[in-house]
Amino acid sequence: MRVAVAGGTGVVGRLVVRELEQAGHDAVVLSRGSGVDLTTGQGLGERLQGCEAIIDVSNQTVLREKAAVRFFGTVTGNLLDAGARAGIGHFVALSIVGVDEVDTGYYMGKRRQEELVSGGPLPWTILRATQFHEFAEPLLDQARGPFVVVPKMLCRPVAAADVAARLVELVGRPGGRFVPPIAGPREWRMEEMAKRIAAARGDRKILIPVRLPGRAGKAMTGGALLPQGPFTEAPRTFEEHLAGLAARRQAVR
């Protein structure tokens, strides 16, 4: 099967491409490097020729509601329109557990994505996932100075590789539904995850846990980011991720 991957150069996208190729599929990356601009639709039609399915893991970290809704709405609309013209038979989108419960800008953008996909012209599947094991790492990397603000939240972190494998599994199945979400095997507090990651990397930044204000903060700390009902339990643990970080640290010494 020839499968287009929107966001195929990102953290999850690279893993999706690898999984597709290992499964014997032909992966077609939709990115600026391949002549495609998802925000304008430029190059999409040509790149989708001969493709049978799209896996959408496109992403942009935008916190403001209008910007998030605009980004996800525009990109999703462009993919659906071009996909319909190209005769795409299945559109698989990655979303987030708790997207209905947390009223932050980013989550509202993902809600808009889900609305367009589920009401769009193509057979569809939406997979919601919990936070990735790597979630706290950009917080550490992008912090200026010795202090890192870490949002307080209760989650069930999942390996990005397990999410990629599940997306590739779903692309070969009939569309038309939300499937059970995917989550890791254990609950963690994000502040504890960040602390463990910093220790594994030898990072001495000072972590400052902060609860988001209002209903969003209450939801994130109260379990809204956990699967409600049946879900697919991914095998890889957060402890395995920490061990990998520590091993890489030792390797570069």
C-alpha atoms as a PDB file:
ATOM      1  CA  MET A   1       0.000   0.000   0.000  1.00  0.00           C
ATOM      2  CA  ARG A   2       1.173   3.513  -0.811  1.00  0.00           C
ATOM      3  CA  VAL A   3       0.564   5.700   2.263  1.00  0.00           C
ATOM      4  CA  ALA A   4       1.109   9.447   2.599  1.00  0.00           C
ATOM      5  CA  VAL A   5       2.355  10.668   5.995  1.00  0.00           C
ATOM      6  CA  ALA A   6       1.515  14.264   6.890  1.00  0.00           C
ATOM      7  CA  GLY A   7       4.122  15.414   9.398  1.00  0.00           C
ATOM      8  CA  GLY A   8       6.411  12.593   8.312  1.00  0.00           C
ATOM      9  CA  THR A   9       9.568  14.387   9.473  1.00  0.00           C
ATOM     10  CA  GLY A  10       8.393  14.938  13.066  1.00  0.00           C
ATOM     11  CA  VAL A  11       8.923  12.824  16.181  1.00  0.00           C
ATOM     12  CA  VAL A  12       5.999  10.489  15.496  1.00  0.00           C
ATOM     13  CA  GLY A  13       6.072  10.915  11.735  1.00  0.00           C
ATOM     14  CA  ARG A  14       9.582   9.493  11.361  1.00  0.00           C
ATOM     15  CA  LEU A  15       8.521   6.458  13.371  1.00  0.00           C
ATOM     16  CA  VAL A  16       5.383   6.033  11.264  1.00  0.00           C
ATOM     17  CA  VAL A  17       7.471   6.114   8.088  1.00  0.00           C
ATOM     18  CA  ARG A  18       9.807   3.483   9.530  1.00  0.00           C
ATOM     19  CA  GLU A  19       6.898   1.256  10.576  1.00  0.00           C
ATOM     20  CA  LEU A  20       5.301   1.539   7.143  1.00  0.00           C
ATOM     21  CA  GLU A  21       8.511   0.595   5.377  1.00  0.00           C
ATOM     22  CA  GLN A  22       9.141  -2.329   7.720  1.00  0.00           C
ATOM     23  CA  ALA A  23       5.610  -3.567   7.011  1.00  0.00           C
ATOM     24  CA  GLY A  24       6.290  -3.474   3.285  1.00  0.00           C
ATOM     25  CA  HIS A  25       4.327  -0.307   2.485  1.00  0.00           C
ATOM     26  CA  ASP A  26       5.478   2.610   0.376  1.00  0.00           C
ATOM     27  CA  ALA A  27       5.667   5.720   2.587  1.00  0.00           C
ATOM     28  CA  VAL A  28       5.243   9.131   0.962  1.00  0.00           C
ATOM     29  CA  VAL A  29       6.319  11.997   3.244  1.00  0.00           C
ATOM     30  CA  LEU A  30       4.305  15.200   3.001  1.00  0.00           C
ATOM     31  CA  SER A  31       6.669  17.978   4.057  1.00  0.00           C
ATOM     32  CA  ARG A  32       8.225  21.165   2.813  1.00  0.00           C
ATOM     33  CA  GLY A  33      11.326  19.169   1.968  1.00  0.00           C
ATOM     34  CA  SER A  34       9.263  17.114  -0.468  1.00  0.00           C
ATOM     35  CA  GLY A  35       7.664  20.195  -2.024  1.00  0.00           C
ATOM     36  CA  VAL A  36       4.464  20.229   0.042  1.00  0.00           C
ATOM     37  CA  ASP A  37       3.115  23.081   2.161  1.00  0.00           C
ATOM     38  CA  LEU A  38       0.319  21.727   4.336  1.00  0.00           C
ATOM     39  CA  THR A  39      -0.817  25.216   5.360  1.00  0.00           C
ATOM     40  CA  THR A  40      -1.478  26.302   1.763  1.00  0.00           C
ATOM     41  CA  GLY A  41      -2.033  22.957   0.073  1.00  0.00           C
ATOM     42  CA  GLN A  42       0.760  23.623  -2.402  1.00  0.00           C
ATOM     43  CA  GLY A  43       2.128  20.393  -3.878  1.00  0.00           C
ATOM     44  CA  LEU A  44      -0.402  18.130  -2.148  1.00  0.00           C
ATOM     45  CA  GLY A  45      -2.211  17.003  -5.272  1.00  0.00           C
ATOM     46  CA  GLU A  46       0.939  15.871  -7.039  1.00  0.00           C
ATOM     47  CA  ARG A  47       2.368  14.164  -3.966  1.00  0.00           C
ATOM     48  CA  LEU A  48      -0.845  12.221  -3.259  1.00  0.00           C
ATOM     49  CA  GLN A  49      -1.029  10.682  -6.715  1.00  0.00           C
ATOM     50  CA  GLY A  50      -1.136   6.903  -6.413  1.00  0.00           C
ATOM     51  CA  CYS A  51      -1.609   6.974  -2.619  1.00  0.00           C
ATOM     52  CA  GLU A  52      -4.341   4.863  -1.059  1.00  0.00           C
ATOM     53  CA  ALA A  53      -4.325   6.313   2.459  1.00  0.00           C
ATOM     54  CA  ILE A  54      -3.152   9.244   4.571  1.00  0.00           C
ATOM     55  CA  ILE A  55      -1.815   9.101   8.128  1.00  0.00           C
ATOM     56  CA  ASP A  56      -1.965  12.585   9.630  1.00  0.00           C
ATOM     57  CA  VAL A  57       0.495  13.232  12.450  1.00  0.00           C
ATOM     58  CA  SER A  58       1.117  16.856  11.475  1.00  0.00           C
ATOM     59  CA  ASN A  59       1.680  19.115  14.433  1.00  0.00           C
ATOM     60  CA  GLN A  60       2.573  22.589  15.576  1.00  0.00           C
ATOM     61  CA  THR A  61       2.989  23.627  19.196  1.00  0.00           C
ATOM     62  CA  VAL A  62       0.653  26.599  19.378  1.00  0.00           C
ATOM     63  CA  LEU A  63      -0.882  27.662  22.671  1.00  0.00           C
ATOM     64  CA  ARG A  64      -3.301  30.397  21.648  1.00  0.00           C
ATOM     65  CA  GLU A  65      -6.766  29.188  20.732  1.00  0.00           C
ATOM     66  CA  LYS A  66      -7.188  31.143  17.487  1.00  0.00           C
ATOM     67  CA  ALA A  67      -3.771  30.132  16.174  1.00  0.00           C
ATOM     68  CA  ALA A  68      -4.274  26.464  17.098  1.00  0.00           C
ATOM     69  CA  VAL A  69      -7.740  26.271  15.576  1.00  0.00           C
ATOM     70  CA  ARG A  70      -6.525  28.040  12.452  1.00  0.00           C
ATOM     71  CA  PHE A  71      -3.513  25.749  12.013  1.00  0.00           C
ATOM     72  CA  PHE A  72      -5.269  22.428  12.534  1.00  0.00           C
ATOM     73  CA  GLY A  73      -8.365  23.561  10.676  1.00  0.00           C
ATOM     74  CA  THR A  74      -6.395  24.746   7.661  1.00  0.00           C
ATOM     75  CA  VAL A  75      -4.052  21.753   7.434  1.00  0.00           C
ATOM     76  CA  THR A  76      -6.832  19.214   7.948  1.00  0.00           C
ATOM     77  CA  GLY A  77      -9.062  20.925   5.424  1.00  0.00           C
ATOM     78  CA  ASN A  78      -6.289  20.956   2.830  1.00  0.00           C
ATOM     79  CA  LEU A  79      -5.505  17.283   3.386  1.00  0.00           C
ATOM     80  CA  LEU A  80      -9.158  16.247   3.146  1.00  0.00           C
ATOM     81  CA  ASP A  81      -9.808  18.294   0.005  1.00  0.00           C
ATOM     82  CA  ALA A  82      -6.699  17.051  -1.773  1.00  0.00           C
ATOM     83  CA  GLY A  83      -7.331  13.527  -0.533  1.00  0.00           C
ATOM     84  CA  ALA A  84     -10.849  13.494  -1.940  1.00  0.00           C
ATOM     85  CA  ARG A  85      -9.596  14.663  -5.335  1.00  0.00           C
ATOM     86  CA  ALA A  86      -6.873  11.987  -5.280  1.00  0.00           C
ATOM     87  CA  GLY A  87      -9.305   9.192  -4.394  1.00  0.00           C
ATOM     88  CA  ILE A  88      -7.810   8.445  -0.974  1.00  0.00           C
ATOM     89  CA  GLY A  89      -9.587   5.502   0.632  1.00  0.00           C
ATOM     90  CA  HIS A  90      -8.696   5.990   4.296  1.00  0.00           C
ATOM     91  CA  PHE A  91      -7.689   8.964   6.451  1.00  0.00           C
ATOM     92  CA  VAL A  92      -6.101   8.090   9.818  1.00  0.00           C
ATOM     93  CA  ALA A  93      -5.577  10.962  12.266  1.00  0.00           C
ATOM     94  CA  LEU A  94      -3.721  11.089  15.577  1.00  0.00           C
ATOM     95  CA  SER A  95      -5.410  13.048  18.377  1.00  0.00           C
ATOM     96  CA  ILE A  96      -5.134  13.346  22.169  1.00  0.00           C
ATOM     97  CA  VAL A  97      -6.849  11.641  25.095  1.00  0.00           C
ATOM     98  CA  GLY A  98      -8.884  14.228  26.999  1.00  0.00           C
ATOM     99  CA  VAL A  99      -9.316  16.585  24.066  1.00  0.00           C
ATOM    100  CA  ASP A 100     -13.000  17.002  24.991  1.00  0.00           C
ATOM    101  CA  GLU A 101     -12.232  17.877  28.598  1.00  0.00           C
ATOM    102  CA  VAL A 102      -9.315  20.330  28.536  1.00  0.00           C
ATOM    103  CA  ASP A 103     -10.065  23.852  27.310  1.00  0.00           C
ATOM    104  CA  THR A 104      -6.626  25.008  26.256  1.00  0.00           C
ATOM    105  CA  GLY A 105      -5.841  26.503  22.880  1.00  0.00           C
ATOM    106  CA  TYR A 106      -3.905  23.492  21.621  1.00  0.00           C
ATOM    107  CA  TYR A 107      -6.608  21.029  22.616  1.00  0.00           C
ATOM    108  CA  MET A 108      -9.275  23.179  20.986  1.00  0.00           C
ATOM    109  CA  GLY A 109      -7.253  23.078  17.794  1.00  0.00           C
ATOM    110  CA  LYS A 110      -7.208  19.285  17.969  1.00  0.00           C
ATOM    111  CA  ARG A 111     -10.967  19.302  18.524  1.00  0.00           C
ATOM    112  CA  ARG A 112     -11.340  21.221  15.282  1.00  0.00           C
ATOM    113  CA  GLN A 113      -9.217  18.598  13.541  1.00  0.00           C
ATOM    114  CA  GLU A 114     -11.443  15.816  14.848  1.00  0.00           C
ATOM    115  CA  GLU A 115     -14.590  17.650  13.751  1.00  0.00           C
ATOM    116  CA  LEU A 116     -13.307  18.048  10.198  1.00  0.00           C
ATOM    117  CA  VAL A 117     -12.035  14.484   9.879  1.00  0.00           C
ATOM    118  CA  SER A 118     -15.150  12.816  11.314  1.00  0.00           C
ATOM    119  CA  GLY A 119     -17.440  15.021   9.199  1.00  0.00           C
ATOM    120  CA  GLY A 120     -15.293  14.991   6.082  1.00  0.00           C
ATOM    121  CA  PRO A 121     -15.515  13.305   2.683  1.00  0.00           C
ATOM    122  CA  LEU A 122     -13.127  10.399   3.347  1.00  0.00           C
ATOM    123  CA  PRO A 123     -13.455   7.147   5.306  1.00  0.00           C
ATOM    124  CA  TRP A 124     -11.704   7.959   8.558  1.00  0.00           C
ATOM    125  CA  THR A 125     -10.206   6.619  11.769  1.00  0.00           C
ATOM    126  CA  ILE A 126      -9.168   8.732  14.755  1.00  0.00           C
ATOM    127  CA  LEU A 127      -6.745   7.393  17.349  1.00  0.00           C
ATOM    128  CA  ARG A 128      -6.337   9.354  20.565  1.00  0.00           C
ATOM    129  CA  ALA A 129      -3.103   8.917  22.517  1.00  0.00           C
ATOM    130  CA  THR A 130      -1.866  10.027  25.917  1.00  0.00           C
ATOM    131  CA  GLN A 131       1.244  12.156  26.393  1.00  0.00           C
ATOM    132  CA  PHE A 132       4.453  10.702  24.986  1.00  0.00           C
ATOM    133  CA  HIS A 133       7.393   9.650  27.159  1.00  0.00           C
ATOM    134  CA  GLU A 134       9.313  12.542  25.603  1.00  0.00           C
ATOM    135  CA  PHE A 135       6.704  15.166  26.579  1.00  0.00           C
ATOM    136  CA  ALA A 136       8.822  16.925  29.216  1.00  0.00           C
ATOM    137  CA  GLU A 137      12.063  16.940  27.230  1.00  0.00           C
ATOM    138  CA  PRO A 138      11.306  20.036  25.105  1.00  0.00           C
ATOM    139  CA  LEU A 139      10.457  21.886  28.313  1.00  0.00           C
ATOM    140  CA  LEU A 140      13.992  21.231  29.546  1.00  0.00           C
ATOM    141  CA  ASP A 141      15.603  21.919  26.182  1.00  0.00           C
ATOM    142  CA  GLN A 142      13.845  25.222  25.531  1.00  0.00           C
ATOM    143  CA  ALA A 143      14.086  26.694  29.020  1.00  0.00           C
ATOM    144  CA  ARG A 144      16.165  29.841  29.254  1.00  0.00           C
ATOM    145  CA  GLY A 145      18.185  29.959  32.423  1.00  0.00           C
ATOM    146  CA  PRO A 146      18.197  27.484  35.282  1.00  0.00           C
ATOM    147  CA  PHE A 147      14.429  27.326  35.901  1.00  0.00           C
ATOM    148  CA  VAL A 148      11.918  25.102  34.090  1.00  0.00           C
ATOM    149  CA  VAL A 149       8.168  25.504  34.496  1.00  0.00           C
ATOM    150  CA  VAL A 150       6.466  22.098  34.352  1.00  0.00           C
ATOM    151  CA  PRO A 151       2.671  21.869  34.107  1.00  0.00           C
ATOM    152  CA  LYS A 152       1.057  19.733  36.764  1.00  0.00           C
ATOM    153  CA  MET A 153      -0.892  16.902  35.188  1.00  0.00           C
ATOM    154  CA  LEU A 154      -1.780  13.285  35.768  1.00  0.00           C
ATOM    155  CA  CYS A 155      -1.147  11.156  32.701  1.00  0.00           C
ATOM    156  CA  ARG A 156      -0.439   7.651  31.479  1.00  0.00           C
ATOM    157  CA  PRO A 157       2.551   8.235  29.187  1.00  0.00           C
ATOM    158  CA  VAL A 158       3.012   6.170  26.051  1.00  0.00           C
ATOM    159  CA  ALA A 159       6.000   5.473  23.806  1.00  0.00           C
ATOM    160  CA  ALA A 160       5.802   7.338  20.508  1.00  0.00           C
ATOM    161  CA  ALA A 161       7.015   4.150  18.784  1.00  0.00           C
ATOM    162  CA  ASP A 162       4.007   2.231  20.112  1.00  0.00           C
ATOM    163  CA  VAL A 163       1.674   4.949  18.826  1.00  0.00           C
ATOM    164  CA  ALA A 164       3.318   4.818  15.394  1.00  0.00           C
ATOM    165  CA  ALA A 165       2.927   1.040  15.236  1.00  0.00           C
ATOM    166  CA  ARG A 166      -0.766   1.321  16.132  1.00  0.00           C
ATOM    167  CA  LEU A 167      -1.373   3.952  13.438  1.00  0.00           C
ATOM    168  CA  VAL A 168       0.212   1.728  10.793  1.00  0.00           C
ATOM    169  CA  GLU A 169      -1.873  -1.206  11.989  1.00  0.00           C
ATOM    170  CA  LEU A 170      -5.055   0.869  11.675  1.00  0.00           C
ATOM    171  CA  VAL A 171      -4.327   2.203   8.193  1.00  0.00           C
ATOM    172  CA  GLY A 172      -4.901  -1.255   6.720  1.00  0.00           C
ATOM    173  CA  ARG A 173      -8.311  -1.628   8.354  1.00  0.00           C
ATOM    174  CA  PRO A 174     -11.697  -0.193   7.315  1.00  0.00           C
ATOM    175  CA  GLY A 175     -12.332   3.405   8.401  1.00  0.00           C
ATOM    176  CA  GLY A 176     -15.340   5.088   9.938  1.00  0.00           C
ATOM    177  CA  ARG A 177     -14.838   5.400  13.675  1.00  0.00           C
ATOM    178  CA  PHE A 178     -12.999   6.481  16.762  1.00  0.00           C
ATOM    179  CA  VAL A 179     -10.961   3.514  17.951  1.00  0.00           C
ATOM    180  CA  PRO A 180     -10.076   2.866  21.607  1.00  0.00           C
ATOM    181  CA  PRO A 181      -7.305   5.250  22.690  1.00  0.00           C
ATOM    182  CA  ILE A 182      -3.743   4.117  23.310  1.00  0.00           C
ATOM    183  CA  ALA A 183      -1.939   4.711  26.611  1.00  0.00           C
ATOM    184  CA  GLY A 184       1.053   3.444  28.530  1.00  0.00           C
ATOM    185  CA  PRO A 185       1.012   0.817  31.280  1.00  0.00           C
ATOM    186  CA  ARG A 186       1.278   3.145  34.295  1.00  0.00           C
ATOM    187  CA  GLU A 187       0.064   6.507  35.600  1.00  0.00           C
ATOM    188  CA  TRP A 188       2.616   9.246  36.277  1.00  0.00           C
ATOM    189  CA  ARG A 189       2.585  12.848  37.441  1.00  0.00           C
ATOM    190  CA  MET A 190       4.221  15.058  34.847  1.00  0.00           C
ATOM    191  CA  GLU A 191       6.358  16.834  37.431  1.00  0.00           C
ATOM    192  CA  GLU A 192       7.790  13.476  38.513  1.00  0.00           C
ATOM    193  CA  MET A 193       8.413  12.507  34.893  1.00  0.00           C
ATOM    194  CA  ALA A 194      10.309  15.740  34.302  1.00  0.00           C
ATOM    195  CA  LYS A 195      12.362  15.170  37.452  1.00  0.00           C
ATOM    196  CA  ARG A 196      13.283  11.641  36.369  1.00  0.00           C
ATOM    197  CA  ILE A 197      14.163  12.776  32.842  1.00  0.00           C
ATOM    198  CA  ALA A 198      16.386  15.568  34.146  1.00  0.00           C
ATOM    199  CA  ALA A 199      18.217  13.109  36.406  1.00  0.00           C
ATOM    200  CA  ALA A 200      18.685  10.584  33.591  1.00  0.00           C
ATOM    201  CA  ARG A 201      20.128  13.279  31.324  1.00  0.00           C
ATOM    202  CA  GLY A 202      22.284  14.838  34.025  1.00  0.00           C
ATOM    203  CA  ASP A 203      20.354  18.095  33.713  1.00  0.00           C
ATOM    204  CA  ARG A 204      20.591  20.275  36.807  1.00  0.00           C
ATOM    205  CA  LYS A 205      17.857  22.758  35.951  1.00  0.00           C
ATOM    206  CA  ILE A 206      15.453  23.654  38.749  1.00  0.00           C
ATOM    207  CA  LEU A 207      11.944  22.377  38.065  1.00  0.00           C
ATOM    208  CA  ILE A 208       8.950  24.496  39.098  1.00  0.00           C
ATOM    209  CA  PRO A 209       5.647  22.564  38.959  1.00  0.00           C
ATOM    210  CA  VAL A 210       2.719  24.863  38.143  1.00  0.00           C
ATOM    211  CA  ARG A 211      -0.973  24.055  37.865  1.00  0.00           C
ATOM    212  CA  LEU A 212      -2.677  25.725  34.928  1.00  0.00           C
ATOM    213  CA  PRO A 213      -5.392  28.148  36.035  1.00  0.00           C
ATOM    214  CA  GLY A 214      -9.115  27.515  35.864  1.00  0.00           C
ATOM    215  CA  ARG A 215     -11.000  24.496  34.612  1.00  0.00           C
ATOM    216  CA  ALA A 216      -8.174  23.365  32.341  1.00  0.00           C
ATOM    217  CA  GLY A 217      -5.720  23.054  35.234  1.00  0.00           C
ATOM    218  CA  LYS A 218      -8.270  21.253  37.383  1.00  0.00           C
ATOM    219  CA  ALA A 219      -9.014  18.815  34.565  1.00  0.00           C
ATOM    220  CA  MET A 220      -5.354  18.097  33.825  1.00  0.00           C
ATOM    221  CA  THR A 221      -4.511  17.350  37.456  1.00  0.00           C
ATOM    222  CA  GLY A 222      -7.745  15.467  38.116  1.00  0.00           C
ATOM    223  CA  GLY A 223      -7.483  12.686  35.544  1.00  0.00           C
ATOM    224  CA  ALA A 224      -9.016  14.165  32.384  1.00  0.00           C
ATOM    225  CA  LEU A 225      -5.898  13.107  30.444  1.00  0.00           C
ATOM    226  CA  LEU A 226      -6.399   9.446  31.355  1.00  0.00           C
ATOM    227  CA  PRO A 227      -8.403   7.051  29.168  1.00  0.00           C
ATOM    228  CA  GLN A 228     -12.026   6.806  30.213  1.00  0.00           C
ATOM    229  CA  GLY A 229     -13.167   3.294  29.375  1.00  0.00           C
ATOM    230  CA  PRO A 230     -11.489   0.617  27.249  1.00  0.00           C
ATOM    231  CA  PHE A 231      -8.099   1.443  25.767  1.00  0.00           C
ATOM    232  CA  THR A 232      -5.106  -0.199  24.104  1.00  0.00           C
ATOM    233  CA  GLU A 233      -2.291  -0.601  26.611  1.00  0.00           C
ATOM    234  CA  ALA A 234       1.065  -0.040  24.934  1.00  0.00           C
ATOM    235  CA  PRO A 235       3.907  -2.307  26.089  1.00  0.00           C
ATOM    236  CA  ARG A 236       6.853   0.072  26.475  1.00  0.00           C
ATOM    237  CA  THR A 237       7.296   1.625  29.920  1.00  0.00           C
ATOM    238  CA  PHE A 238       8.497   5.064  30.955  1.00  0.00           C
ATOM    239  CA  GLU A 239      11.250   3.362  32.943  1.00  0.00           C
ATOM    240  CA  GLU A 240      12.566   1.903  29.679  1.00  0.00           C
ATOM    241  CA  HIS A 241      12.637   5.388  28.205  1.00  0.00           C
ATOM    242  CA  LEU A 242      14.622   6.663  31.190  1.00  0.00           C
ATOM    243  CA  ALA A 243      17.081   3.806  30.827  1.00  0.00           C
ATOM    244  CA  GLY A 244      17.584   4.765  27.180  1.00  0.00           C
ATOM    245  CA  LEU A 245      18.281   8.387  28.107  1.00  0.00           C
ATOM    246  CA  ALA A 246      20.803   7.330  30.738  1.00  0.00           C
ATOM    247  CA  ALA A 247      22.519   4.985  28.288  1.00  0.00           C
ATOM    248  CA  ARG A 248      22.854   7.730  25.686  1.00  0.00           C
ATOM    249  CA  ARG A 249      24.326  10.024  28.323  1.00  0.00           C
ATOM    250  CA  GLN A 250      26.944   7.413  29.208  1.00  0.00           C
ATOM    251  CA  ALA A 251      27.723   6.796  25.525  1.00  0.00           C
ATOM    252  CA  VAL A 252      28.702  10.427  24.882  1.00  0.00           C
ATOM    253  CA  ARG A 253      31.000  10.689  27.884  1.00  0.00           C
END
